[in-house]
Amino acid sequence: MVIKKFGSSLVATASVALALSGCGHETKVTRVDAGVVTDLSGRWNDTDSRMVAEAMVKDALQYPWLGGFEKANQRQPVVVVGTVLNSSHEHISVQTFITDLERELTNSQKVTFVAGKGERDEVRTERKEQAMYAREDTQKAPGKEIGADFMMKGTIATILDEADGTKAVFYQVDLQMIDLENNAKVWYGQKKIKKVVEKKRTVF
């Protein structure tokens, strides 16, 4: 009889423990439009990446280098995006930012945009395989790539200031457009973002 009571007590205790372990840990997921700003942590996010890319490409394409090149060569300039270095204190998905830049350049229809180094390597491998395995009339010959006239590259940096639970994060994005023939910097753009993050203390 004692063993039976002990067993019942153990089961009851385990049930209460399981019930308590489920309290306060409910996960709720809400789908929102991709364009909605969701600044949860104050860190660099998709909204920052998109807005900075849009603003900086727009600024770059308004400068005289574009019209000057078109007038001298009677065609659109060919642009490639090079390296964007993350010099900040955060883990930033630089590739997402580069993709945003590429999208804005391509959709502007003011420049001819060509694939970057990583993509070129993959395409070249495909051409080599076509030369070995594809029908001759469908093979794409090497040596017909379009060379870029300009390269856009830059850095993302941060300055962090924090005291008494309040944090100020200053982001600075610097981009340059470089003439690949003579290394001249034909455009220099800068975009700044400042965020203040306050952590409220909850008293129970």
Protein backbone atom coordinates (compact mmCIF):
# COMPACT_ATOMS: atom_id res chain seq x y z
CA MET A 1 0.00 0.00 0.00
CA VAL A 2 2.90 2.35 0.80
CA ILE A 3 4.51 1.61 -2.56
CA LYS A 4 1.24 2.34 -4.35
CA LYS A 5 0.90 5.72 -2.59
CA PHE A 6 4.52 6.59 -3.40
CA GLY A 7 3.96 5.69 -7.07
CA SER A 8 0.82 7.82 -7.25
CA SER A 9 2.64 10.74 -5.63
CA LEU A 10 5.52 10.44 -8.13
CA VAL A 11 3.14 10.46 -11.10
CA ALA A 12 1.32 13.51 -9.73
CA THR A 13 4.61 15.35 -9.17
CA ALA A 14 5.77 14.55 -12.70
CA SER A 15 2.47 15.78 -14.13
CA VAL A 16 2.74 19.08 -12.27
CA ALA A 17 6.34 19.49 -13.41
CA LEU A 18 5.36 18.91 -17.04
CA ALA A 19 2.49 21.36 -16.75
CA LEU A 20 4.74 24.02 -15.21
CA SER A 21 7.46 23.46 -17.82
CA GLY A 22 4.97 24.39 -20.53
CA CYS A 23 4.02 27.66 -18.85
CA GLY A 24 5.54 30.85 -20.23
CA HIS A 25 7.15 29.19 -23.26
CA GLU A 26 4.38 29.43 -25.82
CA THR A 27 5.62 30.24 -29.32
CA LYS A 28 3.55 32.57 -31.44
CA VAL A 29 4.33 33.18 -35.12
CA THR A 30 2.69 36.00 -37.07
CA ARG A 31 3.19 36.44 -40.79
CA VAL A 32 3.74 40.05 -41.83
CA ASP A 33 4.39 41.78 -45.14
CA ALA A 34 8.09 41.66 -46.11
CA GLY A 35 8.06 45.46 -46.40
CA VAL A 36 7.02 45.98 -42.77
CA VAL A 37 9.80 47.34 -40.55
CA THR A 38 10.52 44.90 -37.70
CA ASP A 39 13.28 46.36 -35.53
CA LEU A 40 13.32 43.88 -32.66
CA SER A 41 16.93 43.98 -31.51
CA GLY A 42 18.19 47.23 -33.01
CA ARG A 43 20.77 45.38 -35.08
CA TRP A 44 21.27 45.74 -38.85
CA ASN A 45 18.34 44.05 -40.60
CA ASP A 46 16.66 43.49 -43.96
CA THR A 47 15.02 46.94 -43.92
CA ASP A 48 18.39 48.66 -43.42
CA SER A 49 19.93 46.62 -46.23
CA ARG A 50 17.15 47.39 -48.70
CA MET A 51 16.81 51.10 -47.87
CA VAL A 52 20.56 51.76 -47.95
CA ALA A 53 20.96 49.92 -51.27
CA GLU A 54 18.07 51.85 -52.85
CA ALA A 55 19.34 55.24 -51.66
CA MET A 56 22.98 54.69 -52.58
CA VAL A 57 22.38 53.28 -56.06
CA LYS A 58 19.99 56.14 -56.79
CA ASP A 59 22.64 58.61 -55.66
CA ALA A 60 25.39 56.93 -57.70
CA LEU A 61 23.35 56.98 -60.91
CA GLN A 62 22.67 60.72 -60.60
CA TYR A 63 26.36 61.68 -60.75
CA PRO A 64 28.10 62.97 -63.92
CA TRP A 65 30.22 59.83 -64.49
CA LEU A 66 27.20 58.06 -65.96
CA GLY A 67 26.28 60.71 -68.54
CA GLY A 68 29.92 61.33 -69.36
CA PHE A 69 30.55 57.67 -70.14
CA GLU A 70 27.41 57.35 -72.27
CA LYS A 71 28.33 60.46 -74.27
CA ALA A 72 31.90 59.30 -74.88
CA ASN A 73 31.09 55.66 -75.70
CA GLN A 74 27.53 55.79 -77.07
CA ARG A 75 26.42 52.96 -74.76
CA GLN A 76 25.53 52.20 -71.18
CA PRO A 77 28.42 51.52 -68.79
CA VAL A 78 28.92 47.93 -67.63
CA VAL A 79 29.01 47.64 -63.83
CA VAL A 80 29.99 44.84 -61.46
CA VAL A 81 29.70 44.75 -57.65
CA GLY A 82 32.94 43.81 -55.94
CA THR A 83 33.72 43.26 -52.26
CA VAL A 84 31.73 44.89 -49.47
CA LEU A 85 33.65 44.46 -46.21
CA ASN A 86 31.91 44.12 -42.87
CA SER A 87 34.02 46.22 -40.49
CA SER A 88 31.24 46.45 -37.90
CA HIS A 89 30.95 44.79 -34.48
CA GLU A 90 27.95 42.77 -35.70
CA HIS A 91 27.52 39.69 -37.85
CA ILE A 92 26.01 41.27 -40.97
CA SER A 93 24.89 39.28 -43.99
CA VAL A 94 26.98 41.21 -46.51
CA GLN A 95 25.81 38.97 -49.36
CA THR A 96 22.22 40.07 -48.78
CA PHE A 97 23.32 43.71 -49.06
CA ILE A 98 25.30 42.96 -52.23
CA THR A 99 22.22 41.27 -53.70
CA ASP A 100 20.15 44.37 -52.89
CA LEU A 101 22.75 46.53 -54.67
CA GLU A 102 22.74 44.22 -57.68
CA ARG A 103 18.95 44.32 -57.88
CA GLU A 104 18.83 48.10 -57.78
CA LEU A 105 21.56 48.44 -60.42
CA THR A 106 19.87 45.94 -62.73
CA ASN A 107 16.35 47.33 -62.32
CA SER A 108 17.52 50.91 -62.89
CA GLN A 109 18.05 50.06 -66.60
CA LYS A 110 20.69 52.80 -66.64
CA VAL A 111 23.65 50.43 -66.57
CA THR A 112 24.44 46.97 -67.88
CA PHE A 113 25.07 44.77 -64.87
CA VAL A 114 27.32 41.72 -65.08
CA ALA A 115 27.87 38.81 -62.69
CA GLY A 116 30.47 39.03 -59.94
CA LYS A 117 33.49 36.80 -59.40
CA GLY A 118 31.74 33.88 -57.66
CA GLU A 119 28.97 33.70 -60.24
CA ARG A 120 31.42 34.00 -63.13
CA ASP A 121 33.39 31.01 -61.87
CA GLU A 122 30.22 28.90 -61.82
CA VAL A 123 29.20 30.02 -65.32
CA ARG A 124 32.67 29.30 -66.69
CA THR A 125 32.55 25.80 -65.24
CA GLU A 126 29.20 25.29 -66.98
CA ARG A 127 30.71 26.38 -70.33
CA LYS A 128 33.59 23.93 -69.89
CA GLU A 129 31.13 21.10 -69.25
CA GLN A 130 29.07 22.11 -72.27
CA ALA A 131 32.21 21.86 -74.41
CA MET A 132 32.55 18.23 -73.30
CA TYR A 133 28.97 17.02 -73.06
CA ALA A 134 26.53 19.32 -74.88
CA ARG A 135 25.57 19.18 -78.56
CA GLU A 136 27.93 21.32 -80.63
CA ASP A 137 25.15 23.56 -81.93
CA THR A 138 24.10 24.43 -78.35
CA GLN A 139 27.54 24.95 -76.81
CA LYS A 140 28.40 28.45 -75.57
CA ALA A 141 31.86 29.47 -76.65
CA PRO A 142 34.38 31.00 -74.21
CA GLY A 143 35.87 34.45 -74.72
CA LYS A 144 32.59 36.27 -75.27
CA GLU A 145 32.03 37.71 -71.81
CA ILE A 146 31.27 41.41 -71.40
CA GLY A 147 34.00 43.16 -69.44
CA ALA A 148 32.95 45.60 -66.74
CA ASP A 149 33.79 49.29 -67.05
CA PHE A 150 33.18 50.13 -63.39
CA MET A 151 33.21 48.30 -60.06
CA MET A 152 31.14 49.25 -57.01
CA LYS A 153 32.70 48.25 -53.68
CA GLY A 154 32.81 49.47 -50.09
CA THR A 155 32.50 48.86 -46.36
CA ILE A 156 29.95 48.71 -43.54
CA ALA A 157 31.23 50.05 -40.20
CA THR A 158 29.71 50.77 -36.78
CA ILE A 159 30.32 52.88 -33.71
CA LEU A 160 28.74 51.60 -30.48
CA ASP A 161 27.96 53.70 -27.40
CA GLU A 162 26.27 52.09 -24.38
CA ALA A 163 25.41 53.15 -20.82
CA ASP A 164 22.76 52.29 -18.19
CA GLY A 165 20.79 49.93 -20.40
CA THR A 166 20.59 52.35 -23.35
CA LYS A 167 22.60 51.63 -26.48
CA ALA A 168 23.27 53.88 -29.47
CA VAL A 169 24.46 52.16 -32.64
CA PHE A 170 25.81 54.25 -35.50
CA TYR A 171 26.08 52.53 -38.90
CA GLN A 172 28.12 54.03 -41.72
CA VAL A 173 28.07 52.52 -45.21
CA ASP A 174 30.70 53.80 -47.67
CA LEU A 175 30.56 52.80 -51.34
CA GLN A 176 32.75 53.77 -54.27
CA MET A 177 32.41 53.44 -58.03
CA ILE A 178 35.83 52.77 -59.56
CA ASP A 179 36.80 53.07 -63.23
CA LEU A 180 38.45 49.70 -63.99
CA GLU A 181 40.58 51.15 -66.79
CA ASN A 182 42.38 53.84 -64.80
CA ASN A 183 41.40 53.19 -61.12
CA ALA A 184 39.73 56.61 -60.87
CA LYS A 185 37.03 56.87 -58.20
CA VAL A 186 34.18 58.46 -60.13
CA TRP A 187 31.67 58.40 -57.27
CA TYR A 188 31.87 58.16 -53.49
CA GLY A 189 28.68 57.62 -51.53
CA GLN A 190 27.99 57.49 -47.81
CA LYS A 191 24.86 56.52 -45.89
CA LYS A 192 24.46 56.80 -42.12
CA ILE A 193 21.94 55.18 -39.78
CA LYS A 194 21.68 55.79 -36.03
CA LYS A 195 19.60 53.59 -33.73
CA VAL A 196 18.91 54.06 -30.02
CA VAL A 197 17.95 50.87 -28.20
CA GLU A 198 16.51 51.11 -24.69
CA LYS A 199 16.06 48.06 -22.50
CA LYS A 200 13.21 48.51 -20.04
CA ARG A 201 13.51 46.79 -16.68
CA THR A 202 10.53 44.72 -15.63
CA VAL A 203 9.82 44.62 -11.90
CA PHE A 204 7.89 41.62 -10.52
